[in-house]
């Protein structure tokens, strides 16, 4: 017998899905790059917007960086800014980052995700 348990995210919003140029988060569609964290969901300026990532600060231990359709190395300036803020940075493709975000969120971990849309 397979036992299925419903996942509870509390007040946090999970990534429900994604497609070309958008993410569906907590049932709402967000177009373009998105930042999801303890403060909620918002547009993100992309790889050059290091200030938004560094501002996550004390509420987050790990930042998942979704690089779009495939994994790529983030710019050194982004990595440096995130690490200077005391965050662990985990780059991966955006689909994997969304799944990992949901899993860590369900575990009650202090996680955020910065996601570039897939083309």
C-alpha atoms as a PDB file:
ATOM      1  CA  UNK A   1       0.000   0.000   0.000  1.00  0.00           C
ATOM      2  CA  UNK A   2       1.289   3.442  -0.911  1.00  0.00           C
ATOM      3  CA  UNK A   3       0.627   6.135   1.627  1.00  0.00           C
ATOM      4  CA  UNK A   4       0.242   9.689   0.322  1.00  0.00           C
ATOM      5  CA  UNK A   5       0.536  12.683   2.579  1.00  0.00           C
ATOM      6  CA  UNK A   6      -0.605  16.154   1.697  1.00  0.00           C
ATOM      7  CA  UNK A   7       2.221  18.662   1.884  1.00  0.00           C
ATOM      8  CA  UNK A   8       1.657  21.712   4.068  1.00  0.00           C
ATOM      9  CA  UNK A   9       3.621  24.853   3.243  1.00  0.00           C
ATOM     10  CA  UNK A  10       2.155  27.035   5.997  1.00  0.00           C
ATOM     11  CA  UNK A  11       2.006  30.673   4.912  1.00  0.00           C
ATOM     12  CA  UNK A  12       4.763  30.182   2.310  1.00  0.00           C
ATOM     13  CA  UNK A  13       3.915  29.868  -1.372  1.00  0.00           C
ATOM     14  CA  UNK A  14       5.162  26.892  -3.407  1.00  0.00           C
ATOM     15  CA  UNK A  15       6.055  26.901  -7.088  1.00  0.00           C
ATOM     16  CA  UNK A  16       3.058  25.236  -8.754  1.00  0.00           C
ATOM     17  CA  UNK A  17       4.436  25.190 -12.286  1.00  0.00           C
ATOM     18  CA  UNK A  18       6.371  27.005 -14.985  1.00  0.00           C
ATOM     19  CA  UNK A  19       6.450  27.512 -18.723  1.00  0.00           C
ATOM     20  CA  UNK A  20       8.069  29.701 -21.361  1.00  0.00           C
ATOM     21  CA  UNK A  21       8.688  33.035 -19.626  1.00  0.00           C
ATOM     22  CA  UNK A  22       6.581  32.484 -16.502  1.00  0.00           C
ATOM     23  CA  UNK A  23       6.208  30.736 -13.155  1.00  0.00           C
ATOM     24  CA  UNK A  24       2.983  29.882 -11.314  1.00  0.00           C
ATOM     25  CA  UNK A  25       3.524  30.490  -7.597  1.00  0.00           C
ATOM     26  CA  UNK A  26       0.787  29.968  -5.064  1.00  0.00           C
ATOM     27  CA  UNK A  27      -1.693  29.808  -7.943  1.00  0.00           C
ATOM     28  CA  UNK A  28      -0.675  33.147  -9.506  1.00  0.00           C
ATOM     29  CA  UNK A  29       1.307  33.624 -12.700  1.00  0.00           C
ATOM     30  CA  UNK A  30       4.494  35.692 -12.456  1.00  0.00           C
ATOM     31  CA  UNK A  31       6.240  36.599 -15.712  1.00  0.00           C
ATOM     32  CA  UNK A  32      10.004  36.958 -16.027  1.00  0.00           C
ATOM     33  CA  UNK A  33      12.659  36.376 -13.369  1.00  0.00           C
ATOM     34  CA  UNK A  34      11.214  35.908  -9.894  1.00  0.00           C
ATOM     35  CA  UNK A  35      12.500  35.981  -6.325  1.00  0.00           C
ATOM     36  CA  UNK A  36      10.691  33.886  -3.712  1.00  0.00           C
ATOM     37  CA  UNK A  37      11.597  34.212  -0.051  1.00  0.00           C
ATOM     38  CA  UNK A  38      10.290  34.805   3.444  1.00  0.00           C
ATOM     39  CA  UNK A  39       9.016  38.263   2.422  1.00  0.00           C
ATOM     40  CA  UNK A  40       6.939  36.757  -0.385  1.00  0.00           C
ATOM     41  CA  UNK A  41       7.120  36.679  -4.159  1.00  0.00           C
ATOM     42  CA  UNK A  42       8.341  39.458  -6.398  1.00  0.00           C
ATOM     43  CA  UNK A  43       9.925  40.315  -9.692  1.00  0.00           C
ATOM     44  CA  UNK A  44      13.699  39.989  -9.755  1.00  0.00           C
ATOM     45  CA  UNK A  45      16.061  41.963 -11.977  1.00  0.00           C
ATOM     46  CA  UNK A  46      18.004  38.871 -13.058  1.00  0.00           C
ATOM     47  CA  UNK A  47      21.666  38.019 -12.626  1.00  0.00           C
ATOM     48  CA  UNK A  48      22.712  41.669 -12.343  1.00  0.00           C
ATOM     49  CA  UNK A  49      20.359  42.308  -9.409  1.00  0.00           C
ATOM     50  CA  UNK A  50      22.662  41.187  -6.612  1.00  0.00           C
ATOM     51  CA  UNK A  51      21.265  43.694  -4.096  1.00  0.00           C
ATOM     52  CA  UNK A  52      17.889  41.921  -3.936  1.00  0.00           C
ATOM     53  CA  UNK A  53      19.615  38.611  -3.251  1.00  0.00           C
ATOM     54  CA  UNK A  54      21.981  40.006  -0.628  1.00  0.00           C
ATOM     55  CA  UNK A  55      19.000  41.665   1.117  1.00  0.00           C
ATOM     56  CA  UNK A  56      17.534  38.228   1.940  1.00  0.00           C
ATOM     57  CA  UNK A  57      19.942  38.219   4.890  1.00  0.00           C
ATOM     58  CA  UNK A  58      19.082  36.561   8.180  1.00  0.00           C
ATOM     59  CA  UNK A  59      15.795  34.958   7.144  1.00  0.00           C
ATOM     60  CA  UNK A  60      17.425  32.539   4.700  1.00  0.00           C
ATOM     61  CA  UNK A  61      20.193  29.949   4.925  1.00  0.00           C
ATOM     62  CA  UNK A  62      20.269  28.760   1.327  1.00  0.00           C
ATOM     63  CA  UNK A  63      19.483  30.495  -1.954  1.00  0.00           C
ATOM     64  CA  UNK A  64      18.569  28.299  -4.895  1.00  0.00           C
ATOM     65  CA  UNK A  65      19.511  29.960  -8.164  1.00  0.00           C
ATOM     66  CA  UNK A  66      17.528  28.714 -11.163  1.00  0.00           C
ATOM     67  CA  UNK A  67      19.592  29.496 -14.264  1.00  0.00           C
ATOM     68  CA  UNK A  68      16.853  28.848 -16.831  1.00  0.00           C
ATOM     69  CA  UNK A  69      16.647  25.742 -18.987  1.00  0.00           C
ATOM     70  CA  UNK A  70      20.171  24.495 -18.204  1.00  0.00           C
ATOM     71  CA  UNK A  71      22.609  24.838 -15.342  1.00  0.00           C
ATOM     72  CA  UNK A  72      25.296  27.480 -15.772  1.00  0.00           C
ATOM     73  CA  UNK A  73      27.856  29.153 -13.559  1.00  0.00           C
ATOM     74  CA  UNK A  74      26.550  32.392 -12.049  1.00  0.00           C
ATOM     75  CA  UNK A  75      28.610  35.562 -12.494  1.00  0.00           C
ATOM     76  CA  UNK A  76      31.362  35.966  -9.893  1.00  0.00           C
ATOM     77  CA  UNK A  77      29.837  39.268  -8.733  1.00  0.00           C
ATOM     78  CA  UNK A  78      26.552  37.513  -7.907  1.00  0.00           C
ATOM     79  CA  UNK A  79      28.285  34.674  -6.060  1.00  0.00           C
ATOM     80  CA  UNK A  80      30.443  37.147  -4.107  1.00  0.00           C
ATOM     81  CA  UNK A  81      27.451  39.298  -3.074  1.00  0.00           C
ATOM     82  CA  UNK A  82      25.394  36.311  -1.940  1.00  0.00           C
ATOM     83  CA  UNK A  83      28.240  34.742   0.012  1.00  0.00           C
ATOM     84  CA  UNK A  84      29.104  38.108   1.617  1.00  0.00           C
ATOM     85  CA  UNK A  85      25.494  38.193   2.880  1.00  0.00           C
ATOM     86  CA  UNK A  86      26.093  34.838   4.599  1.00  0.00           C
ATOM     87  CA  UNK A  87      23.968  32.756   2.236  1.00  0.00           C
ATOM     88  CA  UNK A  88      24.838  29.437   0.656  1.00  0.00           C
ATOM     89  CA  UNK A  89      24.290  29.619  -3.120  1.00  0.00           C
ATOM     90  CA  UNK A  90      23.114  26.559  -5.054  1.00  0.00           C
ATOM     91  CA  UNK A  91      22.898  27.128  -8.823  1.00  0.00           C
ATOM     92  CA  UNK A  92      20.893  24.631 -10.896  1.00  0.00           C
ATOM     93  CA  UNK A  93      18.430  24.693 -13.774  1.00  0.00           C
ATOM     94  CA  UNK A  94      15.149  26.447 -12.931  1.00  0.00           C
ATOM     95  CA  UNK A  95      13.008  23.298 -12.961  1.00  0.00           C
ATOM     96  CA  UNK A  96      15.295  21.596 -10.426  1.00  0.00           C
ATOM     97  CA  UNK A  97      15.461  24.782  -8.341  1.00  0.00           C
ATOM     98  CA  UNK A  98      11.657  24.988  -8.196  1.00  0.00           C
ATOM     99  CA  UNK A  99      11.322  21.335  -7.134  1.00  0.00           C
ATOM    100  CA  UNK A 100      14.099  21.675  -4.549  1.00  0.00           C
ATOM    101  CA  UNK A 101      12.568  24.905  -3.218  1.00  0.00           C
ATOM    102  CA  UNK A 102       9.216  23.164  -2.674  1.00  0.00           C
ATOM    103  CA  UNK A 103      10.872  20.198  -0.966  1.00  0.00           C
ATOM    104  CA  UNK A 104      12.969  22.336   1.396  1.00  0.00           C
ATOM    105  CA  UNK A 105       9.992  24.597   2.080  1.00  0.00           C
ATOM    106  CA  UNK A 106       7.890  21.562   3.054  1.00  0.00           C
ATOM    107  CA  UNK A 107      10.672  20.535   5.455  1.00  0.00           C
ATOM    108  CA  UNK A 108      10.447  23.944   7.132  1.00  0.00           C
ATOM    109  CA  UNK A 109      13.898  25.031   5.954  1.00  0.00           C
ATOM    110  CA  UNK A 110      14.934  28.683   5.621  1.00  0.00           C
ATOM    111  CA  UNK A 111      15.142  28.810   1.847  1.00  0.00           C
ATOM    112  CA  UNK A 112      14.700  31.281  -0.989  1.00  0.00           C
ATOM    113  CA  UNK A 113      14.780  30.871  -4.758  1.00  0.00           C
ATOM    114  CA  UNK A 114      15.817  33.259  -7.520  1.00  0.00           C
ATOM    115  CA  UNK A 115      14.523  31.820 -10.775  1.00  0.00           C
ATOM    116  CA  UNK A 116      15.237  32.770 -14.375  1.00  0.00           C
ATOM    117  CA  UNK A 117      12.438  31.636 -16.692  1.00  0.00           C
ATOM    118  CA  UNK A 118      12.931  28.858 -19.188  1.00  0.00           C
ATOM    119  CA  UNK A 119      12.928  29.923 -22.836  1.00  0.00           C
END
